[in-house]
N, C-alpha and C. Protein backbone atom coordinates (compact mmCIF):
# COMPACT_ATOMS: atom_id res chain seq x y z
N MET A 1 13.22 -19.37 24.50
CA MET A 1 13.59 -19.79 25.85
C MET A 1 12.75 -20.98 26.30
N PHE A 2 11.50 -21.04 25.86
CA PHE A 2 10.68 -22.19 26.22
C PHE A 2 11.29 -23.46 25.65
N CYS A 3 11.83 -23.40 24.44
CA CYS A 3 12.41 -24.60 23.83
C CYS A 3 13.58 -25.11 24.64
N LYS A 4 14.43 -24.23 25.11
CA LYS A 4 15.59 -24.65 25.88
C LYS A 4 15.18 -25.35 27.16
N LYS A 5 14.15 -24.84 27.81
CA LYS A 5 13.70 -25.45 29.06
C LYS A 5 13.11 -26.83 28.81
N ILE A 6 12.36 -26.96 27.74
CA ILE A 6 11.74 -28.25 27.44
C ILE A 6 12.79 -29.28 27.08
N TYR A 7 13.78 -28.89 26.27
CA TYR A 7 14.81 -29.82 25.87
C TYR A 7 15.70 -30.21 27.05
N SER A 8 15.92 -29.33 28.01
CA SER A 8 16.78 -29.65 29.14
C SER A 8 16.15 -30.70 30.04
N ALA A 9 14.84 -30.90 29.93
CA ALA A 9 14.17 -31.92 30.73
C ALA A 9 14.40 -33.31 30.17
N SER A 10 14.77 -33.42 28.93
CA SER A 10 14.92 -34.74 28.31
C SER A 10 16.04 -35.55 28.93
N PRO A 11 17.26 -35.04 29.18
CA PRO A 11 18.31 -35.85 29.83
C PRO A 11 17.90 -36.33 31.21
N TRP A 12 17.20 -35.46 31.96
CA TRP A 12 16.75 -35.85 33.31
C TRP A 12 15.76 -37.01 33.22
N ALA A 13 14.83 -36.91 32.28
CA ALA A 13 13.84 -37.98 32.12
C ALA A 13 14.51 -39.27 31.67
N PHE A 14 15.55 -39.15 30.86
CA PHE A 14 16.25 -40.33 30.36
C PHE A 14 17.00 -41.02 31.50
N ARG A 15 17.65 -40.26 32.38
CA ARG A 15 18.38 -40.84 33.51
C ARG A 15 17.41 -41.55 34.45
N LEU A 16 16.24 -40.95 34.66
CA LEU A 16 15.24 -41.56 35.52
C LEU A 16 14.75 -42.88 34.93
N ALA A 17 14.62 -42.91 33.63
CA ALA A 17 14.09 -44.10 32.98
C ALA A 17 15.04 -45.28 33.06
N ILE A 18 16.36 -45.06 33.04
CA ILE A 18 17.31 -46.17 32.99
C ILE A 18 17.77 -46.62 34.37
N SER A 19 17.39 -45.96 35.43
CA SER A 19 17.89 -46.31 36.76
C SER A 19 17.06 -47.46 37.34
N GLY A 20 17.63 -48.73 37.27
CA GLY A 20 17.02 -49.89 37.91
C GLY A 20 15.73 -50.36 37.28
N LEU A 21 15.50 -50.16 35.97
CA LEU A 21 14.26 -50.56 35.34
C LEU A 21 14.49 -51.75 34.43
N SER A 22 13.45 -52.58 34.22
CA SER A 22 13.53 -53.71 33.31
C SER A 22 13.51 -53.21 31.88
N SER A 23 13.79 -54.14 30.93
CA SER A 23 13.81 -53.73 29.52
C SER A 23 12.43 -53.28 29.06
N ALA A 24 11.35 -53.90 29.59
CA ALA A 24 9.99 -53.50 29.20
C ALA A 24 9.71 -52.08 29.67
N ASN A 25 10.09 -51.84 30.96
CA ASN A 25 9.90 -50.48 31.47
C ASN A 25 10.75 -49.48 30.70
N MET A 26 11.95 -49.95 30.31
CA MET A 26 12.82 -49.07 29.53
C MET A 26 12.12 -48.66 28.24
N THR A 27 11.45 -49.63 27.61
CA THR A 27 10.75 -49.33 26.35
C THR A 27 9.63 -48.33 26.58
N ASN A 28 8.82 -48.56 27.64
CA ASN A 28 7.73 -47.65 27.94
C ASN A 28 8.24 -46.25 28.25
N ARG A 29 9.34 -46.22 29.04
CA ARG A 29 9.91 -44.91 29.38
C ARG A 29 10.44 -44.21 28.14
N SER A 30 11.07 -44.99 27.27
CA SER A 30 11.62 -44.39 26.05
C SER A 30 10.52 -43.78 25.21
N LEU A 31 9.37 -44.49 25.11
CA LEU A 31 8.25 -43.95 24.36
C LEU A 31 7.73 -42.67 25.00
N SER A 32 7.69 -42.66 26.33
CA SER A 32 7.23 -41.46 27.03
C SER A 32 8.15 -40.28 26.74
N ILE A 33 9.46 -40.58 26.77
CA ILE A 33 10.43 -39.51 26.49
C ILE A 33 10.27 -39.01 25.06
N PHE A 34 10.04 -39.96 24.13
CA PHE A 34 9.88 -39.59 22.73
C PHE A 34 8.68 -38.65 22.54
N PHE A 35 7.54 -39.02 23.18
CA PHE A 35 6.35 -38.18 23.05
C PHE A 35 6.53 -36.84 23.76
N LEU A 36 7.28 -36.86 24.87
CA LEU A 36 7.58 -35.61 25.56
C LEU A 36 8.39 -34.69 24.65
N PHE A 37 9.33 -35.28 23.91
CA PHE A 37 10.16 -34.51 22.99
C PHE A 37 9.30 -33.90 21.87
N LEU A 38 8.38 -34.73 21.32
CA LEU A 38 7.49 -34.22 20.28
C LEU A 38 6.60 -33.12 20.80
N PHE A 39 6.12 -33.26 22.04
CA PHE A 39 5.29 -32.23 22.64
C PHE A 39 6.05 -30.92 22.76
N GLY A 40 7.34 -31.05 23.13
CA GLY A 40 8.16 -29.84 23.24
C GLY A 40 8.31 -29.14 21.92
N LEU A 41 8.53 -29.93 20.85
CA LEU A 41 8.64 -29.32 19.51
C LEU A 41 7.35 -28.63 19.12
N SER A 42 6.21 -29.31 19.39
CA SER A 42 4.91 -28.75 19.04
C SER A 42 4.66 -27.45 19.79
N ALA A 43 5.03 -27.42 21.08
CA ALA A 43 4.84 -26.21 21.88
C ALA A 43 5.65 -25.05 21.32
N CYS A 44 6.89 -25.36 20.90
CA CYS A 44 7.74 -24.30 20.34
C CYS A 44 7.16 -23.77 19.05
N GLU A 45 6.66 -24.71 18.19
CA GLU A 45 6.09 -24.28 16.92
C GLU A 45 4.86 -23.41 17.14
N ASN A 46 4.02 -23.80 18.12
CA ASN A 46 2.83 -23.01 18.41
C ASN A 46 3.21 -21.63 18.92
N ASP A 47 4.24 -21.57 19.78
CA ASP A 47 4.69 -20.28 20.27
C ASP A 47 5.19 -19.41 19.13
N ASP A 48 5.92 -20.02 18.18
CA ASP A 48 6.43 -19.26 17.04
C ASP A 48 5.29 -18.73 16.18
N ARG A 49 4.27 -19.59 15.97
CA ARG A 49 3.13 -19.15 15.18
C ARG A 49 2.41 -17.99 15.85
N THR A 50 2.22 -18.11 17.16
CA THR A 50 1.55 -17.04 17.90
C THR A 50 2.33 -15.74 17.82
N LEU A 51 3.66 -15.84 17.98
CA LEU A 51 4.50 -14.65 17.93
C LEU A 51 4.48 -14.02 16.55
N ASN A 52 4.56 -14.86 15.51
CA ASN A 52 4.54 -14.33 14.15
C ASN A 52 3.21 -13.67 13.82
N ALA A 53 2.11 -14.31 14.27
CA ALA A 53 0.79 -13.73 14.02
C ALA A 53 0.64 -12.41 14.74
N TRP A 54 1.14 -12.34 15.97
CA TRP A 54 1.06 -11.10 16.73
C TRP A 54 1.91 -10.01 16.09
N THR A 55 3.09 -10.39 15.61
CA THR A 55 3.97 -9.42 14.96
C THR A 55 3.33 -8.86 13.71
N ARG A 56 2.69 -9.74 12.92
CA ARG A 56 2.04 -9.28 11.70
C ARG A 56 0.88 -8.36 12.00
N SER A 57 0.21 -8.56 13.14
CA SER A 57 -0.96 -7.75 13.46
C SER A 57 -0.59 -6.37 13.99
N VAL A 58 0.67 -6.18 14.37
CA VAL A 58 1.10 -4.88 14.89
C VAL A 58 1.32 -3.92 13.72
N THR A 59 0.69 -2.77 13.76
CA THR A 59 0.83 -1.76 12.73
C THR A 59 1.37 -0.48 13.36
N LEU A 60 2.51 -0.03 12.88
CA LEU A 60 3.09 1.21 13.37
C LEU A 60 2.43 2.37 12.65
N THR A 61 1.98 3.35 13.41
CA THR A 61 1.25 4.49 12.86
C THR A 61 2.00 5.78 13.15
N GLU A 62 2.14 6.61 12.12
CA GLU A 62 2.73 7.93 12.26
C GLU A 62 1.74 8.97 11.76
N GLU A 63 1.72 10.13 12.42
CA GLU A 63 0.84 11.21 11.99
C GLU A 63 1.66 12.49 11.82
N ALA A 64 1.24 13.31 10.87
CA ALA A 64 1.94 14.57 10.62
C ALA A 64 0.94 15.61 10.13
N THR A 65 1.19 16.86 10.48
CA THR A 65 0.36 17.96 10.01
C THR A 65 1.19 18.89 9.14
N ASP A 66 0.50 19.56 8.21
CA ASP A 66 1.17 20.48 7.28
C ASP A 66 2.39 19.81 6.65
N MET A 67 2.18 18.66 6.09
CA MET A 67 3.29 17.87 5.56
C MET A 67 3.52 18.12 4.07
N GLU A 68 4.74 17.87 3.68
CA GLU A 68 5.16 17.96 2.28
C GLU A 68 6.16 16.84 2.01
N THR A 69 5.93 16.07 0.98
CA THR A 69 6.83 14.97 0.66
C THR A 69 6.99 14.85 -0.85
N TYR A 70 8.10 14.25 -1.26
CA TYR A 70 8.39 14.07 -2.68
C TYR A 70 8.47 12.59 -3.01
N ILE A 71 7.96 12.23 -4.16
CA ILE A 71 8.04 10.86 -4.66
C ILE A 71 9.11 10.83 -5.75
N SER A 72 10.10 9.97 -5.58
CA SER A 72 11.20 9.87 -6.54
C SER A 72 11.35 8.43 -7.01
N GLN A 73 11.94 8.28 -8.19
CA GLN A 73 12.21 6.96 -8.75
C GLN A 73 13.52 7.02 -9.52
N SER A 74 14.46 6.13 -9.15
CA SER A 74 15.80 6.11 -9.76
C SER A 74 16.47 7.47 -9.68
N GLY A 75 16.28 8.15 -8.56
CA GLY A 75 16.91 9.43 -8.34
C GLY A 75 16.21 10.60 -9.01
N ARG A 76 15.11 10.36 -9.70
CA ARG A 76 14.39 11.42 -10.39
C ARG A 76 13.10 11.75 -9.65
N ARG A 77 12.84 13.03 -9.48
CA ARG A 77 11.63 13.46 -8.80
C ARG A 77 10.43 13.25 -9.72
N LYS A 78 9.41 12.60 -9.18
CA LYS A 78 8.21 12.30 -9.97
C LYS A 78 7.00 13.13 -9.53
N ALA A 79 6.90 13.38 -8.23
CA ALA A 79 5.72 14.09 -7.74
C ALA A 79 6.02 14.75 -6.40
N ARG A 80 5.23 15.75 -6.10
CA ARG A 80 5.27 16.45 -4.80
C ARG A 80 3.87 16.40 -4.22
N ILE A 81 3.79 16.01 -2.96
CA ILE A 81 2.50 15.90 -2.28
C ILE A 81 2.47 16.85 -1.09
N VAL A 82 1.42 17.64 -1.01
CA VAL A 82 1.22 18.57 0.10
C VAL A 82 -0.16 18.31 0.69
N ALA A 83 -0.22 18.21 2.02
CA ALA A 83 -1.49 17.93 2.68
C ALA A 83 -1.49 18.51 4.09
N PRO A 84 -2.66 18.92 4.58
CA PRO A 84 -2.73 19.46 5.94
C PRO A 84 -2.58 18.39 7.02
N PHE A 85 -2.87 17.12 6.66
CA PHE A 85 -2.79 16.05 7.65
C PHE A 85 -2.49 14.73 6.94
N MET A 86 -1.63 13.92 7.57
CA MET A 86 -1.22 12.65 6.98
C MET A 86 -1.13 11.57 8.05
N VAL A 87 -1.58 10.37 7.71
CA VAL A 87 -1.45 9.20 8.58
C VAL A 87 -0.66 8.15 7.80
N LYS A 88 0.48 7.73 8.34
CA LYS A 88 1.31 6.72 7.68
C LYS A 88 1.20 5.41 8.43
N LEU A 89 0.88 4.35 7.71
CA LEU A 89 0.76 3.01 8.29
C LEU A 89 1.89 2.15 7.77
N ASN A 90 2.69 1.58 8.68
CA ASN A 90 3.79 0.70 8.31
C ASN A 90 3.37 -0.75 8.55
N ARG A 91 3.00 -1.43 7.49
CA ARG A 91 2.62 -2.84 7.56
C ARG A 91 3.11 -3.50 6.29
N ASP A 92 2.45 -4.58 5.84
CA ASP A 92 2.91 -5.27 4.63
C ASP A 92 2.99 -4.31 3.45
N THR A 93 1.97 -3.47 3.30
CA THR A 93 1.97 -2.42 2.29
C THR A 93 2.01 -1.08 3.00
N ILE A 94 3.12 -0.36 2.88
CA ILE A 94 3.26 0.94 3.54
C ILE A 94 2.39 1.95 2.81
N SER A 95 1.57 2.68 3.55
CA SER A 95 0.67 3.65 2.93
C SER A 95 0.69 4.97 3.69
N MET A 96 0.47 6.04 2.95
CA MET A 96 0.32 7.38 3.51
C MET A 96 -1.06 7.89 3.11
N THR A 97 -1.92 8.09 4.10
CA THR A 97 -3.30 8.51 3.84
C THR A 97 -3.46 9.99 4.13
N PHE A 98 -4.16 10.67 3.23
CA PHE A 98 -4.42 12.11 3.37
C PHE A 98 -5.93 12.31 3.42
N PRO A 99 -6.52 12.28 4.62
CA PRO A 99 -7.98 12.32 4.75
C PRO A 99 -8.58 13.72 4.71
N ARG A 100 -7.74 14.76 4.74
CA ARG A 100 -8.26 16.14 4.80
C ARG A 100 -7.75 16.97 3.62
N THR A 101 -8.00 16.50 2.44
CA THR A 101 -7.59 17.11 1.18
C THR A 101 -6.11 16.86 0.92
N VAL A 102 -5.76 16.87 -0.37
CA VAL A 102 -4.38 16.64 -0.78
C VAL A 102 -4.14 17.37 -2.10
N HIS A 103 -2.93 17.89 -2.26
CA HIS A 103 -2.51 18.55 -3.50
C HIS A 103 -1.27 17.84 -4.03
N CYS A 104 -1.23 17.60 -5.34
CA CYS A 104 -0.09 16.93 -5.96
C CYS A 104 0.42 17.72 -7.16
N ASP A 105 1.73 17.81 -7.28
CA ASP A 105 2.37 18.34 -8.49
C ASP A 105 3.09 17.17 -9.15
N PHE A 106 2.90 17.00 -10.45
CA PHE A 106 3.53 15.91 -11.18
C PHE A 106 4.57 16.47 -12.15
N TYR A 107 5.78 15.88 -12.14
CA TYR A 107 6.91 16.41 -12.90
C TYR A 107 7.21 15.55 -14.13
N ASP A 108 7.70 16.23 -15.19
CA ASP A 108 8.18 15.49 -16.35
C ASP A 108 9.65 15.15 -16.14
N ASP A 109 10.30 14.58 -17.16
CA ASP A 109 11.69 14.16 -17.02
C ASP A 109 12.65 15.33 -16.86
N SER A 110 12.21 16.53 -17.22
CA SER A 110 13.05 17.73 -17.07
C SER A 110 12.75 18.47 -15.78
N LEU A 111 11.98 17.83 -14.90
CA LEU A 111 11.58 18.38 -13.59
C LEU A 111 10.69 19.61 -13.73
N ARG A 112 10.03 19.74 -14.87
CA ARG A 112 9.01 20.76 -15.02
C ARG A 112 7.67 20.16 -14.62
N ILE A 113 6.80 20.99 -14.06
CA ILE A 113 5.50 20.50 -13.62
C ILE A 113 4.61 20.25 -14.84
N ASP A 114 4.18 19.00 -14.99
CA ASP A 114 3.26 18.62 -16.07
C ASP A 114 1.84 19.04 -15.74
N SER A 115 1.43 18.72 -14.52
CA SER A 115 0.05 18.97 -14.11
C SER A 115 -0.03 19.08 -12.59
N ARG A 116 -1.13 19.65 -12.15
CA ARG A 116 -1.42 19.79 -10.72
C ARG A 116 -2.75 19.12 -10.44
N LEU A 117 -2.84 18.55 -9.26
CA LEU A 117 -4.06 17.81 -8.90
C LEU A 117 -4.50 18.17 -7.49
N ASP A 118 -5.82 18.25 -7.32
CA ASP A 118 -6.40 18.46 -6.00
C ASP A 118 -7.53 17.46 -5.78
N ALA A 119 -7.62 16.96 -4.56
CA ALA A 119 -8.69 16.02 -4.20
C ALA A 119 -8.96 16.15 -2.71
N ARG A 120 -10.11 15.67 -2.31
CA ARG A 120 -10.46 15.74 -0.89
C ARG A 120 -9.89 14.59 -0.08
N TYR A 121 -9.44 13.54 -0.79
CA TYR A 121 -8.91 12.36 -0.09
C TYR A 121 -7.90 11.67 -1.00
N GLY A 122 -6.82 11.16 -0.39
CA GLY A 122 -5.82 10.46 -1.19
C GLY A 122 -5.02 9.47 -0.36
N VAL A 123 -4.45 8.47 -1.04
CA VAL A 123 -3.59 7.47 -0.39
C VAL A 123 -2.41 7.19 -1.31
N TYR A 124 -1.21 7.27 -0.75
CA TYR A 124 -0.01 6.88 -1.50
C TYR A 124 0.44 5.51 -1.02
N TYR A 125 0.43 4.52 -1.93
CA TYR A 125 0.87 3.16 -1.60
C TYR A 125 2.34 3.03 -2.03
N GLU A 126 3.21 3.10 -1.05
CA GLU A 126 4.65 3.15 -1.33
C GLU A 126 5.15 1.90 -2.04
N ASN A 127 4.71 0.73 -1.61
CA ASN A 127 5.18 -0.52 -2.22
C ASN A 127 4.68 -0.69 -3.65
N LEU A 128 3.51 -0.14 -3.94
CA LEU A 128 2.91 -0.26 -5.27
C LEU A 128 3.32 0.88 -6.19
N ASN A 129 3.90 1.93 -5.62
CA ASN A 129 4.26 3.12 -6.41
C ASN A 129 3.04 3.72 -7.10
N LYS A 130 1.94 3.79 -6.35
CA LYS A 130 0.71 4.34 -6.91
C LYS A 130 0.04 5.27 -5.90
N VAL A 131 -0.70 6.24 -6.43
CA VAL A 131 -1.48 7.17 -5.60
C VAL A 131 -2.95 7.02 -5.98
N PHE A 132 -3.79 6.82 -4.98
CA PHE A 132 -5.24 6.74 -5.18
C PHE A 132 -5.86 8.04 -4.69
N LEU A 133 -6.73 8.62 -5.52
CA LEU A 133 -7.37 9.89 -5.19
C LEU A 133 -8.88 9.74 -5.32
N ARG A 134 -9.59 10.38 -4.40
CA ARG A 134 -11.04 10.21 -4.36
C ARG A 134 -11.72 11.49 -3.92
N ASP A 135 -12.92 11.71 -4.45
CA ASP A 135 -13.80 12.80 -4.04
C ASP A 135 -13.35 14.14 -4.65
N SER A 136 -14.07 14.57 -5.68
CA SER A 136 -13.82 15.86 -6.33
C SER A 136 -12.39 15.99 -6.83
N VAL A 137 -11.95 15.01 -7.60
CA VAL A 137 -10.58 15.02 -8.13
C VAL A 137 -10.52 15.93 -9.35
N VAL A 138 -9.58 16.87 -9.34
CA VAL A 138 -9.42 17.82 -10.45
C VAL A 138 -7.95 17.87 -10.84
N VAL A 139 -7.67 17.67 -12.13
CA VAL A 139 -6.31 17.77 -12.68
C VAL A 139 -6.28 18.95 -13.64
N ILE A 140 -5.26 19.80 -13.51
CA ILE A 140 -5.10 20.95 -14.40
C ILE A 140 -3.67 20.95 -14.91
N THR A 141 -3.50 21.01 -16.24
CA THR A 141 -2.16 21.05 -16.83
C THR A 141 -1.68 22.49 -16.94
N GLN A 142 -0.41 22.63 -17.32
CA GLN A 142 0.17 23.96 -17.49
C GLN A 142 -0.51 24.72 -18.63
N LYS A 143 -1.07 23.99 -19.60
CA LYS A 143 -1.73 24.63 -20.74
C LYS A 143 -3.21 24.93 -20.49
N GLY A 144 -3.71 24.49 -19.36
CA GLY A 144 -5.09 24.78 -19.02
C GLY A 144 -6.08 23.66 -19.25
N ASP A 145 -5.62 22.50 -19.72
CA ASP A 145 -6.51 21.34 -19.84
C ASP A 145 -6.94 20.90 -18.44
N THR A 146 -8.18 20.43 -18.33
CA THR A 146 -8.66 19.97 -17.03
C THR A 146 -9.29 18.58 -17.16
N LEU A 147 -9.17 17.82 -16.11
CA LEU A 147 -9.77 16.49 -16.02
C LEU A 147 -10.40 16.36 -14.65
N THR A 148 -11.67 15.97 -14.61
CA THR A 148 -12.36 15.79 -13.34
C THR A 148 -12.96 14.39 -13.28
N SER A 149 -12.97 13.83 -12.07
CA SER A 149 -13.51 12.49 -11.86
C SER A 149 -13.70 12.27 -10.36
N PRO A 150 -14.65 11.42 -9.97
CA PRO A 150 -14.80 11.12 -8.54
C PRO A 150 -13.66 10.28 -7.98
N GLU A 151 -12.97 9.51 -8.86
CA GLU A 151 -11.83 8.69 -8.43
C GLU A 151 -10.78 8.68 -9.52
N LEU A 152 -9.52 8.58 -9.08
CA LEU A 152 -8.42 8.56 -10.05
C LEU A 152 -7.21 7.87 -9.43
N TRP A 153 -6.51 7.09 -10.25
CA TRP A 153 -5.23 6.48 -9.86
C TRP A 153 -4.11 7.14 -10.65
N TRP A 154 -2.97 7.33 -10.00
CA TRP A 154 -1.76 7.78 -10.70
C TRP A 154 -0.67 6.76 -10.47
N ASP A 155 -0.04 6.31 -11.57
CA ASP A 155 1.02 5.31 -11.51
C ASP A 155 2.37 6.01 -11.64
N GLN A 156 3.21 5.82 -10.64
CA GLN A 156 4.51 6.48 -10.61
C GLN A 156 5.42 6.02 -11.74
N GLY A 157 5.36 4.74 -12.08
CA GLY A 157 6.24 4.20 -13.11
C GLY A 157 5.85 4.61 -14.52
N THR A 158 4.55 4.52 -14.83
CA THR A 158 4.08 4.84 -16.18
C THR A 158 3.68 6.30 -16.34
N GLN A 159 3.51 7.02 -15.22
CA GLN A 159 3.06 8.41 -15.23
C GLN A 159 1.71 8.55 -15.93
N LEU A 160 0.83 7.60 -15.64
CA LEU A 160 -0.50 7.59 -16.23
C LEU A 160 -1.58 7.77 -15.17
N PHE A 161 -2.66 8.46 -15.56
CA PHE A 161 -3.88 8.51 -14.78
C PHE A 161 -4.83 7.44 -15.31
N THR A 162 -5.50 6.72 -14.41
CA THR A 162 -6.50 5.74 -14.82
C THR A 162 -7.69 5.80 -13.87
N THR A 163 -8.86 5.43 -14.39
CA THR A 163 -10.05 5.34 -13.56
C THR A 163 -11.09 4.48 -14.26
N ASP A 164 -11.94 3.84 -13.46
CA ASP A 164 -13.10 3.11 -13.98
C ASP A 164 -14.36 3.95 -13.85
N LYS A 165 -14.25 5.09 -13.19
CA LYS A 165 -15.39 5.96 -12.96
C LYS A 165 -15.61 6.90 -14.15
N TYR A 166 -16.70 7.64 -14.07
CA TYR A 166 -16.99 8.63 -15.11
C TYR A 166 -16.00 9.78 -14.98
N ALA A 167 -15.53 10.28 -16.10
CA ALA A 167 -14.57 11.38 -16.10
C ALA A 167 -14.92 12.37 -17.21
N ILE A 168 -14.53 13.61 -17.00
CA ILE A 168 -14.77 14.67 -17.98
C ILE A 168 -13.47 15.39 -18.28
N TYR A 169 -13.16 15.51 -19.56
CA TYR A 169 -11.97 16.24 -20.00
C TYR A 169 -12.40 17.51 -20.72
N ARG A 170 -11.73 18.59 -20.39
CA ARG A 170 -12.03 19.88 -21.01
C ARG A 170 -10.73 20.46 -21.55
N GLY A 171 -10.65 20.60 -22.87
CA GLY A 171 -9.44 21.11 -23.50
C GLY A 171 -9.37 22.62 -23.50
N PRO A 172 -8.22 23.16 -23.86
CA PRO A 172 -8.05 24.62 -23.90
C PRO A 172 -8.94 25.29 -24.95
N ASP A 173 -9.42 24.51 -25.93
CA ASP A 173 -10.32 25.06 -26.95
C ASP A 173 -11.78 24.98 -26.50
N GLN A 174 -11.99 24.69 -25.21
CA GLN A 174 -13.32 24.62 -24.59
C GLN A 174 -14.13 23.41 -25.06
N GLN A 175 -13.48 22.45 -25.69
CA GLN A 175 -14.18 21.23 -26.08
C GLN A 175 -14.23 20.28 -24.89
N ILE A 176 -15.42 19.76 -24.62
CA ILE A 176 -15.61 18.90 -23.45
C ILE A 176 -15.94 17.48 -23.91
N VAL A 177 -15.23 16.51 -23.34
CA VAL A 177 -15.46 15.10 -23.64
C VAL A 177 -15.70 14.36 -22.33
N GLY A 178 -16.75 13.54 -22.29
CA GLY A 178 -17.04 12.75 -21.11
C GLY A 178 -17.12 11.28 -21.44
N GLY A 179 -16.79 10.44 -20.48
CA GLY A 179 -16.86 9.01 -20.74
C GLY A 179 -16.67 8.19 -19.48
N GLN A 180 -17.01 6.91 -19.58
CA GLN A 180 -16.88 5.98 -18.45
C GLN A 180 -15.54 5.28 -18.54
N GLY A 181 -14.66 5.59 -17.61
CA GLY A 181 -13.34 4.98 -17.58
C GLY A 181 -12.40 5.64 -18.56
N LEU A 182 -11.13 5.78 -18.15
CA LEU A 182 -10.15 6.38 -19.05
C LEU A 182 -8.74 6.02 -18.65
N GLU A 183 -7.83 6.29 -19.57
CA GLU A 183 -6.39 6.25 -19.32
C GLU A 183 -5.81 7.49 -19.96
N ALA A 184 -4.97 8.21 -19.22
CA ALA A 184 -4.43 9.47 -19.73
C ALA A 184 -3.02 9.68 -19.22
N THR A 185 -2.18 10.30 -20.06
CA THR A 185 -0.86 10.70 -19.60
C THR A 185 -1.03 11.85 -18.61
N GLN A 186 -0.06 12.01 -17.72
CA GLN A 186 -0.22 13.00 -16.66
C GLN A 186 -0.22 14.44 -17.19
N ASP A 187 0.27 14.65 -18.42
CA ASP A 187 0.19 15.98 -19.02
C ASP A 187 -1.10 16.15 -19.83
N LEU A 188 -1.94 15.11 -19.86
CA LEU A 188 -3.23 15.09 -20.56
C LEU A 188 -3.10 15.31 -22.07
N LYS A 189 -1.92 15.03 -22.63
CA LYS A 189 -1.76 15.14 -24.08
C LYS A 189 -2.38 13.94 -24.80
N ARG A 190 -2.48 12.83 -24.10
CA ARG A 190 -3.13 11.65 -24.68
C ARG A 190 -4.16 11.12 -23.69
N ILE A 191 -5.41 11.07 -24.12
CA ILE A 191 -6.50 10.59 -23.28
C ILE A 191 -7.30 9.56 -24.06
N THR A 192 -7.54 8.42 -23.45
CA THR A 192 -8.33 7.37 -24.07
C THR A 192 -9.50 7.03 -23.17
N PHE A 193 -10.71 7.32 -23.64
CA PHE A 193 -11.92 6.94 -22.91
C PHE A 193 -12.34 5.53 -23.32
N ARG A 194 -12.77 4.75 -22.37
CA ARG A 194 -13.22 3.39 -22.68
C ARG A 194 -14.60 3.41 -23.32
N ALA A 195 -15.43 4.36 -22.90
CA ALA A 195 -16.76 4.50 -23.49
C ALA A 195 -17.18 5.96 -23.39
N THR A 196 -17.06 6.68 -24.50
CA THR A 196 -17.41 8.10 -24.50
C THR A 196 -18.92 8.27 -24.55
N THR A 197 -19.39 9.34 -23.95
CA THR A 197 -20.82 9.64 -23.94
C THR A 197 -21.15 10.88 -24.76
N GLY A 198 -20.13 11.50 -25.35
CA GLY A 198 -20.42 12.66 -26.19
C GLY A 198 -19.36 13.73 -26.09
N THR A 199 -19.37 14.61 -27.08
CA THR A 199 -18.46 15.74 -27.15
C THR A 199 -19.27 17.01 -27.39
N VAL A 200 -18.99 18.03 -26.60
CA VAL A 200 -19.72 19.30 -26.76
C VAL A 200 -18.73 20.45 -26.76
N LYS A 201 -19.17 21.56 -27.30
CA LYS A 201 -18.37 22.78 -27.30
C LYS A 201 -18.96 23.71 -26.26
N ALA A 202 -18.15 24.07 -25.29
CA ALA A 202 -18.64 24.93 -24.22
C ALA A 202 -18.83 26.35 -24.74
N PRO A 203 -19.86 27.05 -24.28
CA PRO A 203 -20.05 28.44 -24.69
C PRO A 203 -18.87 29.30 -24.29
N ALA A 204 -18.58 30.33 -25.02
CA ALA A 204 -17.46 31.22 -24.72
C ALA A 204 -17.63 31.82 -23.34
N GLY A 205 -16.51 31.87 -22.62
CA GLY A 205 -16.53 32.47 -21.29
C GLY A 205 -16.88 31.50 -20.19
N GLN A 206 -17.14 30.24 -20.53
CA GLN A 206 -17.46 29.25 -19.51
C GLN A 206 -16.36 28.21 -19.39
């Protein structure tokens, strides 16, 4: 609306400039009108920039308690997330934050649960198709394999767990492997440590 008002002043200024003026005055008036026009364009551009910046700074927030949601890809269910409290932020990257513990079930292609995960904190980045988990992260498979780490990422597309932090894997045969950084399938059938620190056999009953 500001642009329309500024542009509507130009015909009025032009009529004023040509009424009874010499050619020199006409030239000066024309220059004034030209700069007035440029000023109007600049004002509109500045208003647009301000509006766009303000729009980008606005973040829509949603909160929910005792929530349950499913992550799907190409019509296939990939994961189920359950949490006592959730905060959803709608901005450039849509995220769902679970600050009061989170539980995840991960499904295989036959919709059977591959593994279950619990953590004290988690974030689902919808645009990235990834889940970040932090603080006492524990993964348990249907066969009893366990993986623990202070931080863990889960990729919806590849169905892989990754971390740069220290992690410990414990197999059903009670063999324990620890290392710095890893990549593992969500069923823990394949685990690759970037730098292992050792393998031990846990005593029976532990």
